Protein backbone atom coordinates (compact mmCIF):
# COMPACT_ATOMS: atom_id res chain seq x y z
CA MET A 1 -12.45 39.30 10.64
CA GLY A 2 -12.17 35.60 11.47
CA LEU A 3 -12.30 32.70 9.03
CA LEU A 4 -15.85 31.78 9.93
CA SER A 5 -17.13 35.33 9.46
CA LEU A 6 -15.34 35.45 6.09
CA ALA A 7 -17.10 32.20 5.09
CA ILE A 8 -20.47 33.72 6.05
CA TRP A 9 -20.12 37.27 4.75
CA MET A 10 -17.89 36.94 1.67
CA PRO A 11 -20.61 35.32 -0.52
CA ILE A 12 -23.24 37.73 0.88
CA VAL A 13 -21.12 40.80 0.02
CA ILE A 14 -20.17 39.48 -3.45
CA GLY A 15 -23.83 38.60 -4.10
CA THR A 16 -24.94 42.09 -3.06
CA VAL A 17 -22.34 43.68 -5.36
CA LEU A 18 -23.60 41.58 -8.29
CA LEU A 19 -27.06 43.15 -7.91
CA ALA A 20 -25.59 46.43 -9.17
CA PHE A 21 -24.68 44.95 -12.57
CA GLY A 22 -28.00 44.36 -14.31
CA ARG A 23 -27.40 45.43 -17.91
CA GLU A 24 -27.01 42.91 -20.75
CA GLU A 25 -23.41 43.90 -21.48
CA HIS A 26 -22.45 42.92 -17.92
CA VAL A 27 -23.66 39.30 -18.15
CA ARG A 28 -20.27 37.76 -18.95
CA MET A 29 -18.59 39.70 -16.14
CA VAL A 30 -21.38 38.76 -13.70
CA ARG A 31 -20.86 35.05 -14.42
CA TRP A 32 -17.13 35.27 -13.84
CA VAL A 33 -17.46 37.33 -10.67
CA ALA A 34 -20.03 34.82 -9.33
CA LEU A 35 -17.74 31.88 -10.16
CA VAL A 36 -14.59 33.45 -8.72
CA GLY A 37 -16.58 34.64 -5.68
CA SER A 38 -18.05 31.18 -5.01
CA ILE A 39 -14.64 29.50 -5.40
CA ALA A 40 -13.01 32.05 -3.08
CA SER A 41 -15.81 31.50 -0.54
CA PHE A 42 -15.19 27.73 -0.72
CA LEU A 43 -11.41 28.14 -0.35
CA VAL A 44 -11.99 30.20 2.81
CA THR A 45 -13.80 27.21 4.39
CA ILE A 46 -10.92 24.75 3.74
CA PRO A 47 -8.70 26.08 6.59
CA LEU A 48 -11.66 25.46 8.92
CA TYR A 49 -11.08 21.76 8.18
CA THR A 50 -7.27 21.74 8.03
CA ARG A 51 -6.94 23.64 11.34
CA PHE A 52 -9.79 21.82 13.08
CA ASP A 53 -8.84 20.02 16.31
CA ILE A 54 -10.61 16.63 16.20
CA THR A 55 -9.71 15.81 19.82
CA THR A 56 -12.15 18.26 21.43
CA ALA A 57 -15.93 18.67 21.42
CA LYS A 58 -15.64 22.40 22.15
CA MET A 59 -16.67 25.05 19.64
CA GLN A 60 -13.79 26.23 17.46
CA PHE A 61 -13.13 29.38 15.39
CA VAL A 62 -15.42 31.17 17.86
CA GLU A 63 -16.13 34.86 17.28
CA LYS A 64 -18.23 36.97 19.61
CA ALA A 65 -19.19 40.63 19.43
CA PRO A 66 -22.10 42.57 20.97
CA TRP A 67 -24.99 43.11 18.56
CA ILE A 68 -28.09 44.34 20.47
CA ASP A 69 -26.73 45.09 23.95
CA ARG A 70 -30.04 45.83 25.61
CA PHE A 71 -31.28 42.25 25.12
CA HIS A 72 -27.83 40.60 25.39
CA ILE A 73 -27.99 39.54 21.75
CA ASN A 74 -24.53 38.86 20.32
CA TYR A 75 -22.95 38.12 16.98
CA HIS A 76 -21.66 34.77 18.25
CA VAL A 77 -20.47 32.09 15.81
CA GLY A 78 -18.42 28.89 15.99
CA VAL A 79 -18.29 25.35 14.62
CA ASP A 80 -17.82 21.88 16.11
CA GLY A 81 -17.56 18.43 14.58
CA ILE A 82 -21.31 18.35 13.93
CA SER A 83 -21.46 21.54 11.88
CA LEU A 84 -18.03 21.73 10.21
CA TRP A 85 -18.72 19.50 7.19
CA LEU A 86 -22.10 21.15 6.63
CA VAL A 87 -20.30 24.51 6.23
CA LEU A 88 -17.90 23.02 3.66
CA LEU A 89 -20.76 21.23 1.86
CA THR A 90 -22.69 24.51 1.52
CA ALA A 91 -19.73 26.36 -0.01
CA PHE A 92 -18.90 23.43 -2.34
CA ILE A 93 -22.44 22.99 -3.67
CA THR A 94 -22.65 26.75 -4.34
CA VAL A 95 -19.63 26.50 -6.68
CA VAL A 96 -21.27 23.60 -8.56
CA VAL A 97 -24.59 25.46 -8.87
CA VAL A 98 -22.90 28.58 -10.28
CA ILE A 99 -21.19 26.38 -12.92
CA SER A 100 -24.52 24.65 -13.69
CA ALA A 101 -26.23 27.99 -14.44
CA TRP A 102 -23.44 29.34 -16.68
CA GLU A 103 -25.24 29.06 -20.04
CA VAL A 104 -28.69 27.97 -18.91
CA ILE A 105 -29.81 31.15 -17.13
CA THR A 106 -30.10 34.01 -19.62
CA GLU A 107 -32.54 36.38 -17.87
CA ARG A 108 -31.63 38.44 -14.81
CA VAL A 109 -28.33 36.58 -14.53
CA ASN A 110 -26.95 38.96 -11.91
CA GLN A 111 -29.97 38.45 -9.65
CA TYR A 112 -29.87 34.66 -10.05
CA MET A 113 -26.18 34.41 -9.15
CA ALA A 114 -26.59 36.94 -6.33
CA ALA A 115 -29.49 34.95 -4.83
CA PHE A 116 -27.38 31.77 -4.62
CA LEU A 117 -24.32 33.50 -3.17
CA ILE A 118 -26.38 35.34 -0.55
CA LEU A 119 -28.28 32.12 0.25
CA SER A 120 -24.95 30.32 0.71
CA GLY A 121 -23.81 32.89 3.29
CA PHE A 122 -27.12 32.69 5.17
CA MET A 123 -26.98 28.88 5.34
CA ILE A 124 -23.39 28.87 6.61
CA GLY A 125 -24.65 31.40 9.19
CA VAL A 126 -27.31 28.92 10.35
CA PHE A 127 -24.70 26.16 10.81
CA SER A 128 -22.38 28.53 12.70
CA ALA A 129 -24.73 30.60 14.91
CA LEU A 130 -24.29 30.21 18.66
CA ASP A 131 -26.79 32.95 19.57
CA GLY A 132 -30.50 32.08 19.48
CA ILE A 133 -31.64 35.25 17.71
CA LEU A 134 -28.71 35.15 15.27
CA PHE A 135 -29.69 31.56 14.40
CA TYR A 136 -33.32 32.55 13.93
CA VAL A 137 -32.43 35.54 11.71
CA PHE A 138 -30.23 33.40 9.46
CA PHE A 139 -32.74 30.52 9.51
CA GLU A 140 -35.56 32.77 8.32
CA ALA A 141 -33.37 34.80 5.96
CA THR A 142 -32.68 31.68 3.88
CA LEU A 143 -36.35 31.73 2.85
CA ILE A 144 -36.03 35.02 0.96
CA PRO A 145 -33.46 34.13 -1.73
CA MET A 146 -34.98 30.66 -2.21
CA TYR A 147 -38.47 32.18 -2.51
CA LEU A 148 -37.18 34.50 -5.25
CA ILE A 149 -35.27 31.69 -7.01
CA ILE A 150 -38.46 29.60 -7.24
CA GLY A 151 -40.80 32.54 -7.94
CA ILE A 152 -38.73 34.18 -10.70
CA TRP A 153 -36.87 31.37 -12.49
CA GLY A 154 -39.27 28.49 -11.77
CA GLY A 155 -41.75 26.58 -13.95
CA PRO A 156 -45.39 27.32 -14.94
CA ASN A 157 -46.77 27.03 -11.36
CA LYS A 158 -43.82 28.82 -9.77
CA ILE A 159 -45.88 31.37 -7.80
CA TYR A 160 -48.01 28.65 -6.18
CA ALA A 161 -44.91 26.61 -5.31
CA ALA A 162 -43.04 29.63 -3.93
CA PHE A 163 -45.98 30.62 -1.69
CA LYS A 164 -46.43 27.05 -0.46
CA PHE A 165 -42.72 26.81 0.36
CA PHE A 166 -42.71 30.17 2.15
CA LEU A 167 -45.90 29.63 4.17
CA TYR A 168 -45.07 26.08 5.30
CA THR A 169 -41.59 26.97 6.50
CA LEU A 170 -42.49 30.36 7.98
CA LEU A 171 -45.48 29.07 9.98
CA GLY A 172 -43.40 26.22 11.38
CA SER A 173 -40.72 28.65 12.52
CA LEU A 174 -43.02 30.97 14.47
CA LEU A 175 -43.35 28.50 17.36
CA THR A 176 -39.57 28.29 17.48
CA LEU A 177 -39.40 32.04 18.06
CA VAL A 178 -41.76 31.62 21.04
CA ALA A 179 -39.46 28.86 22.35
CA LEU A 180 -36.39 31.11 22.00
CA VAL A 181 -38.08 33.91 23.96
CA TYR A 182 -39.11 31.42 26.69
CA LEU A 183 -35.53 30.18 26.98
CA TYR A 184 -34.27 33.78 27.11
CA ASN A 185 -36.54 34.52 30.08
CA THR A 186 -35.81 31.23 31.84
CA SER A 187 -32.04 31.64 31.50
CA GLY A 188 -32.15 35.10 33.08
CA GLY A 189 -31.72 37.08 29.88
CA SER A 190 -29.33 35.17 27.64
CA PHE A 191 -29.62 34.06 24.02
CA ASP A 192 -26.44 31.96 24.25
CA ILE A 193 -27.39 28.55 22.80
CA LEU A 194 -24.62 26.70 24.67
CA SER A 195 -25.78 28.09 28.04
CA TRP A 196 -29.31 26.89 27.21
CA HIS A 197 -27.91 23.36 26.97
CA ASP A 198 -27.26 23.46 30.74
CA LEU A 199 -30.64 24.90 31.81
CA LYS A 200 -32.70 22.84 34.25
CA LEU A 201 -36.20 22.51 32.79
CA GLY A 202 -39.35 20.77 34.02
CA SER A 203 -40.98 17.91 32.14
CA THR A 204 -43.86 20.01 30.72
CA ALA A 205 -41.53 22.83 29.68
CA GLN A 206 -39.24 20.36 27.91
CA THR A 207 -42.13 18.73 26.05
CA LEU A 208 -43.53 22.09 24.90
CA LEU A 209 -40.07 23.25 23.80
CA PHE A 210 -39.46 19.95 22.01
CA PHE A 211 -42.63 20.31 19.93
CA ALA A 212 -42.07 24.03 19.32
CA PHE A 213 -38.70 23.17 17.78
CA PHE A 214 -40.20 20.14 16.06
CA ALA A 215 -42.72 22.40 14.26
CA ALA A 216 -39.91 24.27 12.48
CA PHE A 217 -37.37 21.52 11.99
CA ALA A 218 -39.77 18.75 10.88
CA VAL A 219 -41.18 20.97 8.12
CA LYS A 220 -37.67 21.87 6.97
CA VAL A 221 -36.35 18.26 6.88
CA PRO A 222 -39.19 17.58 5.73
CA MET A 223 -40.61 14.71 7.77
CA TRP A 224 -43.74 12.82 6.84
CA PRO A 225 -46.57 14.04 6.89
CA VAL A 226 -45.43 17.71 6.56
CA HIS A 227 -43.41 16.90 3.43
CA THR A 228 -46.12 17.76 0.89
CA TRP A 229 -44.59 21.14 -0.03
CA LEU A 230 -41.34 19.55 -1.21
CA PRO A 231 -42.38 17.73 -4.44
CA ASP A 232 -44.32 20.79 -5.67
CA VAL A 233 -41.38 23.08 -4.99
CA HIS A 234 -38.84 20.77 -6.64
CA VAL A 235 -40.95 20.39 -9.77
CA GLU A 236 -41.27 24.17 -10.23
CA ALA A 237 -37.81 25.29 -9.03
CA PRO A 238 -34.99 25.82 -11.55
CA THR A 239 -32.32 23.10 -11.55
CA GLY A 240 -29.93 25.03 -9.31
CA GLY A 241 -32.73 25.78 -6.86
CA SER A 242 -33.64 22.10 -6.59
CA ALA A 243 -29.98 21.15 -6.09
CA VAL A 244 -29.44 23.62 -3.23
CA LEU A 245 -32.81 22.89 -1.65
CA ALA A 246 -32.16 19.13 -1.54
CA ALA A 247 -28.44 19.30 -0.82
CA ILE A 248 -28.39 21.92 1.93
CA MET A 249 -31.70 23.55 2.92
CA LEU A 250 -33.25 20.27 4.08
CA LYS A 251 -30.22 19.85 6.38
CA LEU A 252 -31.07 23.04 8.29
CA GLY A 253 -33.98 21.24 9.98
CA ALA A 254 -32.01 18.09 10.77
CA TYR A 255 -29.18 20.21 12.18
CA GLY A 256 -31.71 22.02 14.40
CA PHE A 257 -32.60 18.74 16.12
CA LEU A 258 -28.94 18.27 17.11
CA ARG A 259 -28.33 21.83 18.22
CA PHE A 260 -31.66 22.60 19.92
CA SER A 261 -34.16 19.78 20.49
CA MET A 262 -31.86 17.07 21.85
CA PRO A 263 -29.45 19.05 24.09
CA ILE A 264 -32.01 21.59 25.41
CA ALA A 265 -34.82 19.09 26.06
CA PRO A 266 -33.07 15.72 26.54
CA ASP A 267 -35.80 14.19 28.73
CA ALA A 268 -38.53 15.10 26.23
CA SER A 269 -36.30 13.87 23.38
CA HIS A 270 -36.06 10.45 25.01
CA GLU A 271 -39.75 10.42 25.90
CA TRP A 272 -40.87 11.29 22.37
CA ALA A 273 -38.16 9.42 20.48
CA TRP A 274 -40.69 6.72 19.54
CA PHE A 275 -42.79 9.36 17.80
CA ILE A 276 -39.88 10.66 15.68
CA ILE A 277 -38.74 7.09 14.93
CA ALA A 278 -42.27 6.11 13.83
CA LEU A 279 -42.51 9.13 11.47
CA SER A 280 -39.03 8.37 10.14
CA VAL A 281 -39.83 4.73 9.38
CA VAL A 282 -43.06 5.77 7.64
CA ALA A 283 -41.03 8.25 5.55
CA VAL A 284 -38.46 5.60 4.68
CA ILE A 285 -41.02 2.96 3.61
CA TYR A 286 -44.22 4.75 2.52
CA VAL A 287 -42.52 7.65 0.71
CA GLY A 288 -40.23 5.13 -0.98
CA LEU A 289 -43.33 3.40 -2.36
CA VAL A 290 -44.77 6.75 -3.46
CA ALA A 291 -41.53 7.43 -5.36
CA LEU A 292 -42.00 4.16 -7.27
CA VAL A 293 -45.12 5.39 -9.09
CA GLN A 294 -43.87 8.85 -10.11
CA GLN A 295 -43.83 9.74 -13.81
CA ASP A 296 -41.90 13.00 -13.35
CA MET A 297 -38.16 12.56 -12.73
CA LYS A 298 -37.95 15.54 -10.39
CA LYS A 299 -40.89 14.34 -8.32
CA LEU A 300 -39.30 10.91 -8.04
CA VAL A 301 -36.02 12.35 -6.74
CA ALA A 302 -37.94 14.74 -4.44
CA TYR A 303 -39.77 11.83 -2.78
CA SER A 304 -36.48 9.96 -2.67
CA SER A 305 -35.05 12.90 -0.66
CA VAL A 306 -37.83 12.60 1.92
CA ALA A 307 -37.08 8.87 2.28
CA HIS A 308 -33.32 9.46 2.61
CA MET A 309 -33.83 12.22 5.19
CA GLY A 310 -35.98 9.74 7.15
CA PHE A 311 -32.72 7.86 7.79
CA VAL A 312 -31.22 11.02 9.28
CA THR A 313 -33.95 11.59 11.89
CA LEU A 314 -34.12 7.85 12.60
CA GLY A 315 -30.38 7.81 13.31
CA PHE A 316 -30.55 10.81 15.63
CA PHE A 317 -33.31 9.48 17.84
CA ILE A 318 -31.94 6.00 18.52
CA PHE A 319 -29.36 7.85 20.65
CA SER A 320 -26.35 5.75 19.69
CA ASP A 321 -22.93 6.71 18.42
CA LEU A 322 -23.51 4.82 15.18
CA GLY A 323 -26.97 6.29 14.72
CA VAL A 324 -26.12 9.97 15.25
CA SER A 325 -22.81 9.80 13.33
CA GLY A 326 -24.60 7.85 10.58
CA GLY A 327 -27.33 10.52 10.44
CA ILE A 328 -24.76 13.31 10.02
CA VAL A 329 -22.82 11.33 7.39
CA GLN A 330 -26.13 10.71 5.61
CA MET A 331 -26.83 14.47 5.60
CA ILE A 332 -23.51 15.14 3.87
CA SER A 333 -23.72 12.21 1.42
CA HIS A 334 -27.32 13.09 0.53
CA GLY A 335 -26.04 16.61 -0.16
CA PHE A 336 -23.67 15.31 -2.83
CA VAL A 337 -25.98 12.67 -4.31
CA SER A 338 -29.25 14.62 -4.42
CA ALA A 339 -27.52 17.66 -5.96
CA ALA A 340 -26.04 15.35 -8.61
CA MET A 341 -29.40 13.70 -9.32
CA PHE A 342 -31.17 17.04 -9.81
CA LEU A 343 -28.36 18.45 -11.95
CA CYS A 344 -28.53 15.33 -14.18
CA ILE A 345 -32.27 15.92 -14.65
CA GLY A 346 -31.41 19.53 -15.46
CA VAL A 347 -28.97 18.44 -18.19
CA LEU A 348 -31.76 16.46 -19.90
CA TYR A 349 -34.36 19.18 -19.35
CA ASP A 350 -32.13 21.83 -20.96
CA ARG A 351 -32.10 19.73 -24.14
CA VAL A 352 -35.61 18.21 -24.34
CA HIS A 353 -37.63 20.56 -22.04
CA SER A 354 -39.44 17.65 -20.42
CA ARG A 355 -39.08 15.91 -17.07
CA GLN A 356 -41.49 13.08 -17.93
CA ILE A 357 -39.83 9.66 -17.85
CA ALA A 358 -42.04 8.56 -20.78
CA ASP A 359 -40.48 11.22 -23.05
CA TYR A 360 -37.07 9.55 -22.91
CA GLY A 361 -35.54 6.13 -23.51
CA GLY A 362 -32.18 5.02 -24.86
CA VAL A 363 -30.33 8.21 -23.87
CA VAL A 364 -27.14 6.11 -23.49
CA ASN A 365 -27.01 5.78 -27.31
CA THR A 366 -26.57 9.50 -27.88
CA MET A 367 -25.09 10.64 -24.54
CA PRO A 368 -22.72 7.83 -23.39
CA LYS A 369 -20.51 10.04 -21.15
CA PHE A 370 -23.53 11.57 -19.46
CA ALA A 371 -25.20 8.15 -19.00
CA ALA A 372 -22.06 6.93 -17.18
CA PHE A 373 -22.25 9.83 -14.71
CA ALA A 374 -25.99 9.30 -14.27
CA LEU A 375 -25.38 5.59 -13.53
CA LEU A 376 -22.82 6.42 -10.82
CA PHE A 377 -25.22 8.85 -9.13
CA ALA A 378 -28.15 6.41 -9.48
CA MET A 379 -26.07 3.72 -7.78
CA ALA A 380 -25.12 6.15 -5.02
CA ASN A 381 -28.82 6.97 -4.56
CA CYS A 382 -29.48 3.23 -4.15
CA GLY A 383 -26.79 2.99 -1.46
CA LEU A 384 -24.21 0.98 -3.42
CA PRO A 385 -21.07 0.22 -1.35
CA ALA A 386 -18.06 2.44 -2.25
CA THR A 387 -20.36 5.39 -2.94
CA ALA A 388 -21.34 8.17 -0.53
CA GLY A 389 -24.93 6.92 -0.39
CA PHE A 390 -23.90 3.69 1.35
CA VAL A 391 -21.92 4.94 4.34
CA GLY A 392 -24.54 6.90 6.29
CA GLU A 393 -27.43 4.50 5.60
CA TRP A 394 -25.33 1.50 6.62
CA MET A 395 -24.30 3.19 9.90
CA VAL A 396 -27.92 4.09 10.70
CA ILE A 397 -29.14 0.56 9.89
CA LEU A 398 -26.42 -0.94 12.13
CA GLY A 399 -27.37 1.45 14.94
CA ALA A 400 -31.07 0.65 14.46
CA VAL A 401 -30.43 -3.14 14.53
CA LYS A 402 -28.52 -2.73 17.80
CA ALA A 403 -31.44 -0.77 19.27
CA ASN A 404 -34.15 -3.09 17.93
CA PHE A 405 -33.81 -5.76 15.24
CA TRP A 406 -37.22 -5.07 13.66
CA LEU A 407 -36.53 -1.36 13.54
CA GLY A 408 -33.30 -2.06 11.66
CA PHE A 409 -35.13 -4.50 9.40
CA ALA A 410 -37.79 -1.88 8.55
CA ALA A 411 -35.11 0.73 7.82
CA ALA A 412 -33.19 -1.69 5.61
CA THR A 413 -36.22 -2.16 3.34
CA ALA A 414 -35.53 1.40 2.15
CA LEU A 415 -32.45 0.13 0.36
CA ILE A 416 -34.68 -2.23 -1.64
CA PHE A 417 -37.22 0.50 -2.50
CA GLY A 418 -34.39 2.94 -3.25
CA ALA A 419 -32.85 0.49 -5.70
CA ALA A 420 -36.27 -0.23 -7.23
CA TYR A 421 -37.36 3.32 -8.03
CA THR A 422 -33.88 4.61 -8.95
CA LEU A 423 -32.88 1.76 -11.25
CA TRP A 424 -36.33 1.58 -12.83
CA MET A 425 -36.08 5.26 -13.66
CA TYR A 426 -32.56 4.74 -15.05
CA LYS A 427 -33.70 1.80 -17.18
CA ARG A 428 -36.63 3.72 -18.68
CA VAL A 429 -34.69 6.94 -19.34
CA TYR A 430 -31.24 5.73 -20.39
CA LEU A 431 -31.33 2.11 -21.59
CA GLY A 432 -32.75 0.41 -24.69
CA ASP A 433 -33.21 1.91 -28.14
CA PRO A 434 -33.72 5.69 -28.55
CA GLY A 435 -37.30 6.39 -27.48
CA ASN A 436 -38.06 9.13 -30.02
CA ASP A 437 -36.56 11.66 -32.43
CA HIS A 438 -35.70 14.07 -29.61
CA VAL A 439 -33.47 11.45 -28.00
CA LYS A 440 -31.84 10.59 -31.36
CA GLU A 441 -30.85 14.25 -31.77
CA LEU A 442 -29.33 14.70 -28.30
CA SER A 443 -25.71 15.81 -27.96
CA ASP A 444 -23.45 14.56 -25.17
CA ILE A 445 -22.42 16.79 -22.26
CA ASN A 446 -20.13 19.75 -22.96
CA GLY A 447 -17.03 20.74 -21.00
CA ARG A 448 -18.97 22.82 -18.45
CA GLU A 449 -21.41 20.00 -17.68
CA PHE A 450 -18.55 17.49 -17.56
CA LEU A 451 -16.74 19.65 -14.97
CA MET A 452 -19.89 20.11 -12.87
CA LEU A 453 -20.68 16.37 -12.79
CA SER A 454 -17.00 15.41 -12.30
CA LEU A 455 -16.77 17.51 -9.13
CA LEU A 456 -19.79 15.72 -7.67
CA ALA A 457 -18.59 12.29 -8.89
CA ILE A 458 -15.23 12.81 -7.12
CA ALA A 459 -17.06 13.83 -3.91
CA VAL A 460 -19.43 10.82 -4.10
CA LEU A 461 -16.59 8.32 -4.66
CA TRP A 462 -14.20 9.92 -2.18
CA MET A 463 -16.77 9.81 0.61
CA GLY A 464 -17.78 6.25 -0.30
CA ILE A 465 -14.25 4.83 -0.48
CA HIS A 466 -12.61 6.87 2.30
CA PRO A 467 -15.21 8.17 4.79
CA LYS A 468 -12.64 8.47 7.62
CA PRO A 469 -12.03 12.26 7.23
CA PHE A 470 -15.79 12.81 7.64
CA THR A 471 -16.30 10.53 10.65
CA ASP A 472 -13.08 11.54 12.45
CA VAL A 473 -14.21 15.18 12.59
CA MET A 474 -17.58 14.39 14.17
CA ASN A 475 -16.74 11.50 16.57
CA VAL A 476 -15.77 13.54 19.65
CA SER A 477 -18.61 16.05 19.19
CA VAL A 478 -21.19 13.27 18.76
CA ASP A 479 -19.84 11.48 21.84
CA GLY A 480 -20.12 14.73 23.82
CA LEU A 481 -23.69 15.30 22.61
CA LEU A 482 -24.78 11.76 23.57
CA LYS A 483 -23.23 12.05 27.04
CA HIS A 484 -25.06 15.37 27.49
CA VAL A 485 -28.40 13.98 26.29
CA ALA A 486 -28.06 10.91 28.55
CA VAL A 487 -28.21 13.10 31.70
CA SER A 488 -31.65 14.25 32.90
CA LYS A 489 -32.18 18.00 33.17
CA LEU A 490 -35.28 17.79 35.33
CA PRO A 491 -34.91 20.12 38.35
């Protein structure tokens, strides 16, 4: 079995094994198996980076085996510079989430840990799939563990939120299945995604395919105005669920644009770029303003995610090296920062059992170590230079200014709104005198929480200070994608 298959299937197998250990006396063992399994799954992904050849845009670590011969469906996986860091990010965030749930989750611990490990394998499968049906199976399979995570361990309205999440994302994906079948027939019976990139397609076909893919990927990102499921889901999901949803699941949609929409329908992508850019700018500005008035910390960070992901789609559809690379960097940095923001909210919620900003105040007096971590992540969310949050947004803004000054100017306003809502939340929650007796009785973070936040702090600072390892990996692949998209595929 190759490295990539190990990265996909190891967490799925370990997660499945955990389901067998449901009794109370097994809880301690379950936690350790989940932790060791998630770390082992992450370590397997590291050679993908160390052995990666950054001088070629070709797929690497490719594995191909027949799956359903009659329809030429194969188990076909591989990574390039666009998907490599997303695979590593998925495995890394899974380790952090397992640590975050160590003491907090006390019911059905084996099922909770299993759901996250299995979800991790499915998401790595999405980023690695080079067969259309394999991609679709993994893409849809991610819904099941996340649906259960929200529906079982979520808040008071968890069933409503889980259904909303499932229906939105499933309905969007059905049109994509139609598009995959159309491409299968047009290509003469192949589900090979890379061969679809070279298909000659008429203008109408490209437009229909573009919007079929858009239906699934825009909901997943989520783009305005199909973002309304996200705040509800984040509010009800357990802390680990929110962290994985924001850090990785939203990236599945953005990744789909790069792997399907742009290379398969380049003419339609250029023709409708204005539409995507307009929705992205609305997300960046309007949703940023919506975040300003939120009273619930989770809702504020959820809306912030929509605004930050607006930068990603904006970067992709200005068709420049800076824009696309900046969009991918933003996906990775948002993975680190949004996971950290949600886990910080989780630390407070575990102690006070409230997410309302008004129920806090002066947390720095009783939790100084924690407040320092929260400040770092808040600054990263604002896009402070030398943090991960700055690099991708700055690249996208530069690319947007080169394309059109006013477009860049509109995108840059997001940095102002981002600073406004993030720092205002920080001021009201952490600064000043203790807001009430609950805050006065708080205890600072323990060793487990310190480890969890330290891992993310190192990632946020490393990416902010030294982004070269991230950009070097993707440069050749992005250049290859842009050259491909620049050539018309009209017959």
